[in-house]
Amino acid sequence: MASNILAEEHSAELIKRVQSNSLDFSHQEIEDPMQVAQRLSAEFELTAIERDQIGGTPKEQRDQIRESGLLSLIIPKQYGGLGANWQLTMQIVREFAKSDSSIAHVFAFQHLMLATVRLFSKNEQWEPWFEQTARQNWFWGNALNPTDDRTVSRSFSHWSEFSGKKSFCSGALDSEMLIASALEHNPNGDGKSKLIIAALPTGRTGINVIQDWDNMGQRQTDSGSVNFERVRVEQHEILADPGPLSTPYSCLRPLVAQLILTNIYLGIAEGAFREARHYTLNEARAWNGSNFHKPEDDPYIIGHYGEFWASLESARAITEVAATFLDAAWLKEDKLTEDARGEVAIKIAAAKILTTRIGLDITSRMFEVTGSRSTHAGLCMDRYWRNIRTHTLHDPIDYKLKELGDWVLKEKYPTPTFYS
C-alpha cells in the first residue's frame, strides 16, 4: 500500500512539472530544444513503468517527438533543421534516457541514421533527405546491422534488389525511412562480398517490419527484425560515394554511435540515481539496528550516495569532453585526418567504458539505499538495470579496453569498424 501511495505522489509531482513547463509546439518556433526535451521527458516518465511492462511501440510518444520538431535537431538550419551540434544532441538523448531509455534509443538512432547518410553519400543525396526530414518530420529507422549477413543485394542494369532478413532493427516500426544494408551477391563464394548500404522508404513493396522484439530490457525500441523480399533499390538510394568507412570523415559514423550509447548509459544511471534519492527521502525506512530514525541520516547510506554522485560527476565530465572532440572533428569534414579521428575514438572509448561500469553499478546498488520494500513490482525500479544490462551487451566492453590498451602501450589508434 505504501509503495502504491508513493507511486501516486511521484506521478502527481511529475504531472505538476509537466503542466508548469507546457509548450505549444504547433504555434511557436523551437528556441530552446533542451526545454522542449525536458518537458517531453517529464511526460514520458508518467507512463514509463506501464509501457515497460507492455512493450511494443511507443506510438504516442514517437508522435509527440514528431510534433516537437526535435527529429531535425542535428540537421543544419539551411535545410530546415534546428542546427544543433552533437554536444546538445547527446545531452537531449541523455535527458530522455533519464525517464525512458527506450525512447532515448529510438530518438538517438534518428540522428545516427541522419549522420549515416551525411557521411556515406554525396551532397545531392543527403541534402534532399535532410530537407524532407525537416519538412515532413520523418522518423528514420535502422536495418543496417553489419554483423547480420542474411540479406543479399543483386545488381541489375540501373537498380539493385535486396532479399533476406535483418535483426536488431531499432526504430524500424513506425518509421518513414530505413537505412538498410546487404552483402553484394558474390557468385564466386570467396567470402569477399561488398557491403551495400541504402536509404529506403519503410513502406516500399517487399519490406516487412516484424514485431518480434521481446527482451528483458529496452522493451520499446522495436529492435526486432525486418524482412526484405525482392525489394527494388534505385541507384540514387545507395550510399556509395564516399561509401561506408572509406575516409577518416566517414569513419566518424561508428563514433557517433558509440557516443550515443555512452549518453544513454549515463542517462539511465542519472535516472536511477534520481529515483533512488526520491525513494530514500520519501518512503524508505531506517534499518532497525542503525539507531537512526531516518535513512538519510544513516552514514552508510550517505556514503553510498556520495560515491554515486562522485561517479556520475566523473562520467558526465568525460562524456562532455568526448562530445566536444566529436564536434570539432565533425566540422573538419574532408580535412579530418586519421590521427584526429583516432583522438576522438580514444575519448569516446574511455567515456563508454566508464559509463558502462558506473551505470551497471548504480542501477544494481541503488537497492542498497532504498531497501527491500523498493523491490515492489509496481515501482518497477529494476527497469533501470534491465535496460542498461541489455544495452551494454551491444558490443563487449572488453574490446574497448583492448583498444585503449593498444593506444596506451603502442600508440595505436583503434582500427575503424562499425563498432570502433
Protein backbone atom coordinates (compact mmCIF):
# COMPACT_ATOMS: atom_id res chain seq x y z
CA MET A 1 0.00 0.00 0.00
CA ALA A 2 2.75 2.46 0.96
CA SER A 3 4.60 1.76 -2.28
CA ASN A 4 1.45 2.44 -4.30
CA ILE A 5 0.87 5.71 -2.42
CA LEU A 6 4.45 6.76 -3.19
CA ALA A 7 3.97 5.97 -6.87
CA GLU A 8 0.81 8.11 -6.93
CA GLU A 9 2.56 11.01 -5.18
CA HIS A 10 5.50 10.77 -7.59
CA SER A 11 3.08 10.81 -10.55
CA ALA A 12 1.28 13.87 -9.16
CA GLU A 13 4.62 15.62 -8.81
CA LEU A 14 5.51 14.76 -12.41
CA ILE A 15 2.15 15.97 -13.71
CA LYS A 16 2.66 19.31 -11.94
CA ARG A 17 6.12 19.59 -13.52
CA VAL A 18 4.70 18.77 -16.97
CA GLN A 19 1.96 21.39 -16.66
CA SER A 20 4.31 24.10 -15.45
CA ASN A 21 6.66 23.53 -18.40
CA SER A 22 3.92 23.06 -21.00
CA LEU A 23 4.79 24.21 -24.51
CA ASP A 24 2.51 24.56 -27.51
CA PHE A 25 4.57 23.05 -30.32
CA SER A 26 2.05 23.91 -33.02
CA HIS A 27 2.17 27.69 -32.52
CA GLN A 28 5.77 28.55 -31.88
CA GLU A 29 9.24 28.02 -33.21
CA ILE A 30 11.53 25.96 -31.03
CA GLU A 31 14.06 28.32 -29.49
CA ASP A 32 15.27 26.10 -26.67
CA PRO A 33 15.41 22.44 -27.70
CA MET A 34 16.53 21.38 -24.23
CA GLN A 35 13.46 22.96 -22.64
CA VAL A 36 11.28 21.06 -25.11
CA ALA A 37 13.14 17.84 -24.33
CA GLN A 38 12.74 18.33 -20.58
CA ARG A 39 9.02 18.83 -20.96
CA LEU A 40 8.70 15.71 -23.10
CA SER A 41 10.91 13.70 -20.75
CA ALA A 42 8.65 14.58 -17.82
CA GLU A 43 5.63 13.41 -19.81
CA PHE A 44 7.33 10.18 -20.85
CA GLU A 45 8.16 9.43 -17.22
CA LEU A 46 4.46 9.40 -16.32
CA THR A 47 3.87 6.26 -18.39
CA ALA A 48 7.35 4.70 -18.40
CA ILE A 49 6.50 1.90 -15.97
CA GLU A 50 3.31 0.89 -17.74
CA ARG A 51 4.95 0.96 -21.16
CA ASP A 52 7.94 -1.03 -19.92
CA GLN A 53 5.54 -3.75 -18.82
CA ILE A 54 3.58 -3.94 -22.08
CA GLY A 55 6.49 -3.48 -24.51
CA GLY A 56 5.66 -2.79 -28.14
CA THR A 57 5.79 0.53 -29.95
CA PRO A 58 5.60 3.85 -28.03
CA LYS A 59 3.48 5.29 -30.86
CA GLU A 60 2.03 8.20 -28.86
CA GLN A 61 5.45 9.23 -27.58
CA ARG A 62 7.03 8.98 -31.03
CA ASP A 63 4.30 11.23 -32.41
CA GLN A 64 4.96 13.73 -29.63
CA ILE A 65 8.59 13.84 -30.72
CA ARG A 66 7.48 14.29 -34.32
CA GLU A 67 5.31 17.26 -33.35
CA SER A 68 8.07 18.78 -31.21
CA GLY A 69 10.41 19.36 -34.15
CA LEU A 70 13.28 17.57 -32.42
CA LEU A 71 13.63 15.00 -35.18
CA SER A 72 15.55 17.63 -37.17
CA LEU A 73 17.76 18.61 -34.23
CA ILE A 74 21.09 17.80 -35.92
CA ILE A 75 20.01 18.99 -39.39
CA PRO A 76 21.62 22.34 -40.30
CA LYS A 77 19.31 25.35 -40.41
CA GLN A 78 19.81 25.89 -44.15
CA TYR A 79 17.98 22.57 -44.69
CA GLY A 80 15.15 23.44 -42.31
CA GLY A 81 16.59 21.83 -39.18
CA LEU A 82 17.47 23.22 -35.76
CA GLY A 83 21.21 23.27 -36.44
CA ALA A 84 22.28 21.74 -33.11
CA ASN A 85 25.76 20.34 -32.56
CA TRP A 86 26.47 16.85 -31.30
CA GLN A 87 27.01 18.01 -27.72
CA LEU A 88 23.47 19.36 -27.41
CA THR A 89 22.03 16.40 -29.31
CA MET A 90 23.70 13.96 -26.91
CA GLN A 91 22.55 15.97 -23.89
CA ILE A 92 18.95 15.65 -25.11
CA VAL A 93 19.42 11.91 -25.67
CA ARG A 94 20.62 11.73 -22.06
CA GLU A 95 17.65 13.78 -20.85
CA PHE A 96 15.24 11.29 -22.45
CA ALA A 97 17.21 8.32 -21.08
CA LYS A 98 16.71 9.53 -17.51
CA SER A 99 12.98 8.88 -17.91
CA ASP A 100 12.78 6.27 -20.65
CA SER A 101 15.85 4.78 -22.28
CA SER A 102 13.80 3.06 -25.00
CA ILE A 103 12.58 6.40 -26.32
CA ALA A 104 16.10 7.81 -25.92
CA HIS A 105 17.41 4.93 -28.02
CA VAL A 106 14.92 5.43 -30.86
CA PHE A 107 15.38 9.20 -30.80
CA ALA A 108 19.17 8.88 -30.79
CA PHE A 109 19.16 6.43 -33.69
CA GLN A 110 17.21 9.00 -35.70
CA HIS A 111 20.31 11.17 -35.61
CA LEU A 112 22.66 8.25 -36.17
CA MET A 113 20.77 7.42 -39.36
CA LEU A 114 20.97 11.05 -40.49
CA ALA A 115 24.71 11.01 -39.75
CA THR A 116 24.97 7.84 -41.84
CA VAL A 117 23.50 9.41 -44.98
CA ARG A 118 25.54 12.58 -44.41
CA LEU A 119 28.83 10.71 -44.08
CA PHE A 120 28.34 7.94 -46.65
CA SER A 121 26.63 9.72 -49.57
CA LYS A 122 27.00 12.63 -51.98
CA ASN A 123 25.57 16.10 -51.37
CA GLU A 124 22.86 15.60 -53.98
CA GLN A 125 21.66 12.58 -51.98
CA TRP A 126 21.76 13.68 -48.34
CA GLU A 127 20.67 17.29 -48.86
CA PRO A 128 17.16 16.41 -50.19
CA TRP A 129 16.77 13.75 -47.48
CA PHE A 130 17.64 16.31 -44.81
CA GLU A 131 15.18 18.84 -46.24
CA GLN A 132 12.34 16.32 -46.44
CA THR A 133 13.05 15.02 -42.95
CA ALA A 134 12.83 18.53 -41.50
CA ARG A 135 9.75 19.47 -43.53
CA GLN A 136 7.76 16.25 -43.02
CA ASN A 137 9.07 15.17 -39.59
CA TRP A 138 10.33 11.86 -40.89
CA PHE A 139 11.44 9.22 -38.41
CA TRP A 140 14.38 7.13 -39.63
CA GLY A 141 14.78 3.50 -38.55
CA ASN A 142 17.74 1.15 -38.54
CA ALA A 143 18.08 -2.02 -40.60
CA LEU A 144 21.83 -1.84 -41.13
CA ASN A 145 23.33 -4.35 -38.63
CA PRO A 146 26.55 -5.24 -40.50
CA THR A 147 27.05 -8.41 -38.41
CA ASP A 148 23.86 -9.95 -39.80
CA ASP A 149 24.79 -11.23 -43.27
CA ARG A 150 21.45 -12.79 -44.23
CA THR A 151 20.42 -10.01 -46.65
CA VAL A 152 21.85 -10.18 -50.19
CA SER A 153 21.97 -7.49 -52.88
CA ARG A 154 21.78 -8.42 -56.55
CA SER A 155 22.68 -5.84 -59.18
CA PHE A 156 20.80 -5.18 -62.40
CA SER A 157 21.34 -2.57 -65.12
CA HIS A 158 20.19 0.55 -63.23
CA TRP A 159 18.99 -0.79 -59.90
CA SER A 160 19.58 -3.43 -57.22
CA GLU A 161 17.44 -5.88 -55.30
CA PHE A 162 17.61 -6.66 -51.56
CA SER A 163 16.39 -10.02 -50.26
CA GLY A 164 16.82 -11.51 -46.80
CA LYS A 165 16.37 -10.65 -43.15
CA LYS A 166 17.91 -8.25 -40.64
CA SER A 167 17.84 -8.40 -36.85
CA PHE A 168 18.20 -5.68 -34.17
CA CYS A 169 16.40 -3.14 -36.35
CA SER A 170 15.82 -0.43 -33.75
CA GLY A 171 13.06 2.04 -34.57
CA ALA A 172 12.17 0.41 -37.89
CA LEU A 173 8.49 0.14 -36.97
CA ASP A 174 6.62 3.44 -37.31
CA SER A 175 9.41 4.96 -39.37
CA GLU A 176 9.22 6.71 -42.72
CA MET A 177 12.76 5.82 -43.85
CA LEU A 178 15.21 2.98 -43.25
CA ILE A 179 18.97 2.65 -43.50
CA ALA A 180 19.44 -0.91 -44.71
CA SER A 181 22.45 -2.99 -45.66
CA ALA A 182 23.05 -6.09 -47.70
CA LEU A 183 26.01 -8.09 -48.93
CA GLU A 184 26.61 -7.88 -52.66
CA HIS A 185 25.83 -11.17 -54.33
CA ASN A 186 29.09 -13.00 -54.93
CA PRO A 187 28.73 -16.00 -57.24
CA ASN A 188 32.40 -16.90 -56.66
CA GLY A 189 31.77 -17.58 -52.99
CA ASP A 190 35.22 -16.36 -51.99
CA GLY A 191 33.95 -14.54 -48.86
CA LYS A 192 34.79 -11.06 -50.21
CA SER A 193 31.29 -9.70 -50.69
CA LYS A 194 30.96 -5.90 -50.57
CA LEU A 195 28.64 -4.25 -48.03
CA ILE A 196 25.92 -2.22 -49.74
CA ILE A 197 24.08 0.43 -47.70
CA ALA A 198 20.94 2.19 -48.89
CA ALA A 199 18.29 4.66 -47.69
CA LEU A 200 14.81 3.31 -48.41
CA PRO A 201 11.20 4.28 -47.69
CA THR A 202 9.95 1.90 -44.99
CA GLY A 203 6.67 1.43 -46.84
CA ARG A 204 8.26 0.18 -50.04
CA THR A 205 6.85 -3.02 -51.51
CA GLY A 206 8.70 -6.05 -50.16
CA ILE A 207 9.74 -4.51 -46.83
CA ASN A 208 8.05 -6.17 -43.86
CA VAL A 209 8.84 -4.92 -40.33
CA ILE A 210 8.26 -7.73 -37.84
CA GLN A 211 7.22 -7.14 -34.22
CA ASP A 212 9.37 -9.86 -32.66
CA TRP A 213 11.35 -7.84 -30.08
CA ASP A 214 10.67 -9.29 -26.61
CA ASN A 215 13.77 -8.79 -24.46
CA MET A 216 14.08 -8.13 -20.75
CA GLY A 217 15.18 -4.52 -21.30
CA GLN A 218 14.82 -1.67 -23.81
CA ARG A 219 11.38 -3.10 -24.38
CA GLN A 220 10.02 -0.28 -26.56
CA THR A 221 12.85 0.16 -29.02
CA ASP A 222 11.22 -2.11 -31.61
CA SER A 223 14.61 -3.71 -32.16
CA GLY A 224 13.11 -6.71 -33.91
CA SER A 225 13.51 -7.95 -37.46
CA VAL A 226 12.92 -6.67 -40.98
CA ASN A 227 12.31 -8.93 -43.97
CA PHE A 228 13.33 -7.84 -47.45
CA GLU A 229 11.58 -9.72 -50.22
CA ARG A 230 12.89 -8.71 -53.63
CA VAL A 231 12.97 -5.04 -52.66
CA ARG A 232 13.88 -2.74 -55.52
CA VAL A 233 16.68 -0.30 -54.64
CA GLU A 234 17.34 2.57 -57.02
CA GLN A 235 20.89 3.62 -57.80
CA HIS A 236 20.44 7.05 -56.19
CA GLU A 237 19.37 5.37 -52.93
CA ILE A 238 22.68 3.54 -52.49
CA LEU A 239 25.23 5.28 -50.25
CA ALA A 240 28.30 4.53 -52.32
CA ASP A 241 30.19 7.82 -52.57
CA PRO A 242 32.28 8.10 -50.45
CA GLY A 243 30.64 4.99 -49.03
CA PRO A 244 30.87 3.30 -45.62
CA LEU A 245 34.07 3.82 -43.60
CA SER A 246 36.00 4.94 -46.69
CA THR A 247 37.57 8.17 -45.36
CA PRO A 248 38.53 9.48 -41.90
CA TYR A 249 35.42 11.69 -42.02
CA SER A 250 33.06 8.85 -42.94
CA CYS A 251 34.65 6.85 -40.12
CA LEU A 252 33.05 9.24 -37.64
CA ARG A 253 29.82 7.28 -38.03
CA PRO A 254 30.72 4.50 -35.56
CA LEU A 255 31.97 7.13 -33.12
CA VAL A 256 28.60 8.89 -33.24
CA ALA A 257 27.02 5.51 -32.48
CA GLN A 258 29.38 4.83 -29.57
CA LEU A 259 28.79 8.26 -28.05
CA ILE A 260 25.05 7.74 -28.36
CA LEU A 261 25.34 4.54 -26.34
CA THR A 262 27.54 6.33 -23.82
CA ASN A 263 24.92 9.02 -23.24
CA ILE A 264 22.09 6.51 -22.98
CA TYR A 265 24.02 4.61 -20.29
CA LEU A 266 24.76 7.82 -18.42
CA GLY A 267 21.13 8.93 -18.67
CA ILE A 268 19.93 5.60 -17.28
CA ALA A 269 22.34 5.95 -14.35
CA GLU A 270 21.17 9.52 -13.69
CA GLY A 271 17.54 8.42 -13.79
CA ALA A 272 18.19 5.55 -11.38
CA PHE A 273 20.01 7.91 -9.02
CA ARG A 274 17.14 10.39 -9.13
CA GLU A 275 14.51 7.74 -8.41
CA ALA A 276 16.55 6.15 -5.63
CA ARG A 277 17.04 9.52 -3.95
CA HIS A 278 13.32 10.28 -4.13
CA TYR A 279 12.50 6.91 -2.58
CA THR A 280 15.11 7.22 0.17
CA LEU A 281 13.81 10.64 1.21
CA ASN A 282 10.10 9.85 0.98
CA GLU A 283 9.48 6.15 1.53
CA ALA A 284 12.46 4.16 2.77
CA ARG A 285 12.79 3.14 6.42
CA ALA A 286 15.91 3.24 8.53
CA TRP A 287 17.48 -0.11 9.39
CA ASN A 288 16.32 -1.03 12.89
CA GLY A 289 19.86 -1.63 14.08
CA SER A 290 21.20 1.70 12.86
CA ASN A 291 19.89 3.83 15.76
CA PHE A 292 18.64 6.41 13.26
CA HIS A 293 15.03 7.41 12.68
CA LYS A 294 15.51 8.38 9.04
CA PRO A 295 17.55 6.56 6.40
CA GLU A 296 19.01 9.85 5.15
CA ASP A 297 20.79 10.17 8.50
CA ASP A 298 22.44 6.75 8.22
CA PRO A 299 26.17 7.32 7.50
CA TYR A 300 26.36 4.20 5.34
CA ILE A 301 23.51 5.38 3.11
CA ILE A 302 25.02 8.87 2.99
CA GLY A 303 28.33 7.32 1.95
CA HIS A 304 26.70 5.35 -0.88
CA TYR A 305 25.10 8.49 -2.25
CA GLY A 306 28.39 10.34 -2.06
CA GLU A 307 30.01 7.56 -4.05
CA PHE A 308 27.20 7.52 -6.61
CA TRP A 309 27.47 11.28 -7.10
CA ALA A 310 31.25 11.27 -7.50
CA SER A 311 30.92 8.53 -10.13
CA LEU A 312 28.23 10.42 -12.03
CA GLU A 313 30.23 13.64 -11.98
CA SER A 314 33.28 11.90 -13.44
CA ALA A 315 31.15 10.19 -16.10
CA ARG A 316 29.48 13.47 -17.06
CA ALA A 317 32.82 15.22 -17.36
CA ILE A 318 34.46 12.67 -19.65
CA THR A 319 31.30 12.31 -21.73
CA GLU A 320 31.14 16.07 -22.33
CA VAL A 321 34.82 16.12 -23.31
CA ALA A 322 34.19 13.32 -25.82
CA ALA A 323 31.31 15.31 -27.34
CA THR A 324 33.46 18.41 -27.80
CA PHE A 325 36.09 16.31 -29.60
CA LEU A 326 33.38 14.84 -31.87
CA ASP A 327 32.02 18.28 -32.70
CA ALA A 328 35.49 19.59 -33.58
CA ALA A 329 36.12 16.60 -35.85
CA TRP A 330 32.68 16.91 -37.47
CA LEU A 331 33.40 20.49 -38.53
CA LYS A 332 36.62 19.48 -40.31
CA GLU A 333 34.72 17.37 -42.85
CA ASP A 334 37.08 16.11 -45.59
CA LYS A 335 40.06 17.77 -43.90
CA LEU A 336 39.81 15.37 -40.95
CA THR A 337 42.97 13.27 -40.59
CA GLU A 338 43.24 9.68 -39.42
CA ASP A 339 45.06 10.78 -36.27
CA ALA A 340 42.44 13.40 -35.42
CA ARG A 341 39.75 10.79 -35.89
CA GLY A 342 41.76 8.44 -33.68
CA GLU A 343 41.85 11.01 -30.87
CA VAL A 344 38.06 11.20 -30.94
CA ALA A 345 37.84 7.40 -30.84
CA ILE A 346 40.03 7.23 -27.73
CA LYS A 347 37.98 9.85 -25.87
CA ILE A 348 34.70 8.14 -26.70
CA ALA A 349 36.01 4.66 -25.84
CA ALA A 350 37.11 5.88 -22.41
CA ALA A 351 33.73 7.53 -21.81
CA LYS A 352 31.85 4.43 -22.86
CA ILE A 353 33.86 2.19 -20.55
CA LEU A 354 33.27 4.49 -17.61
CA THR A 355 29.54 4.98 -18.19
CA THR A 356 29.06 1.23 -18.68
CA ARG A 357 30.67 0.40 -15.35
CA ILE A 358 29.08 3.26 -13.42
CA GLY A 359 25.66 2.61 -14.93
CA LEU A 360 25.68 -1.08 -14.07
CA ASP A 361 26.95 -0.29 -10.59
CA ILE A 362 24.36 2.36 -9.68
CA THR A 363 21.38 0.52 -11.18
CA SER A 364 22.28 -2.53 -9.08
CA ARG A 365 23.39 -0.86 -5.86
CA MET A 366 20.50 1.62 -5.79
CA PHE A 367 18.58 -1.00 -3.82
CA GLU A 368 21.13 -0.80 -1.02
CA VAL A 369 19.94 2.75 -0.31
CA THR A 370 16.23 2.11 -0.86
CA GLY A 371 15.72 -1.20 0.94
CA SER A 372 13.69 -4.34 0.37
CA ARG A 373 10.33 -2.56 0.02
CA SER A 374 11.65 -0.77 -3.08
CA THR A 375 11.58 -4.09 -4.93
CA HIS A 376 7.78 -3.89 -5.07
CA ALA A 377 6.80 -4.90 -8.61
CA GLY A 378 4.57 -1.86 -9.05
CA LEU A 379 7.54 0.50 -8.70
CA CYS A 380 9.43 -1.33 -11.45
CA MET A 381 12.74 0.09 -10.21
CA ASP A 382 14.56 -2.87 -11.71
CA ARG A 383 13.87 -1.45 -15.18
CA TYR A 384 16.97 0.71 -14.97
CA TRP A 385 19.23 -2.31 -14.50
CA ARG A 386 17.35 -4.37 -17.12
CA ASN A 387 17.66 -1.57 -19.66
CA ILE A 388 21.34 -0.88 -19.18
CA ARG A 389 22.26 -4.56 -18.90
CA THR A 390 20.50 -5.27 -22.19
CA HIS A 391 22.02 -2.25 -23.90
CA THR A 392 25.62 -2.64 -22.68
CA LEU A 393 25.82 -6.04 -24.37
CA HIS A 394 25.66 -4.24 -27.72
CA ASP A 395 29.41 -4.73 -28.12
CA PRO A 396 31.73 -6.19 -25.44
CA ILE A 397 33.42 -3.65 -23.18
CA ASP A 398 36.49 -5.90 -23.10
CA TYR A 399 37.24 -4.90 -26.68
CA LYS A 400 37.00 -1.22 -25.80
CA LEU A 401 39.54 -1.85 -23.05
CA LYS A 402 41.79 -3.61 -25.56
CA GLU A 403 41.57 -0.62 -27.90
CA LEU A 404 42.62 1.70 -25.09
CA GLY A 405 45.41 -0.66 -24.08
CA ASP A 406 46.77 -0.75 -27.62
CA TRP A 407 46.79 3.03 -27.67
CA VAL A 408 48.42 3.39 -24.26
CA LEU A 409 51.16 0.80 -24.89
CA LYS A 410 51.73 1.05 -28.62
CA GLU A 411 50.27 4.47 -29.54
CA LYS A 412 47.98 2.63 -31.93
CA TYR A 413 44.60 4.20 -32.63
CA PRO A 414 41.55 1.91 -32.93
CA THR A 415 41.02 0.48 -36.40
CA PRO A 416 37.76 1.91 -37.75
CA THR A 417 34.96 -0.64 -37.86
CA PHE A 418 31.21 -0.26 -37.34
CA TYR A 419 31.91 -0.68 -33.61
CA SER A 420 35.06 1.41 -33.06
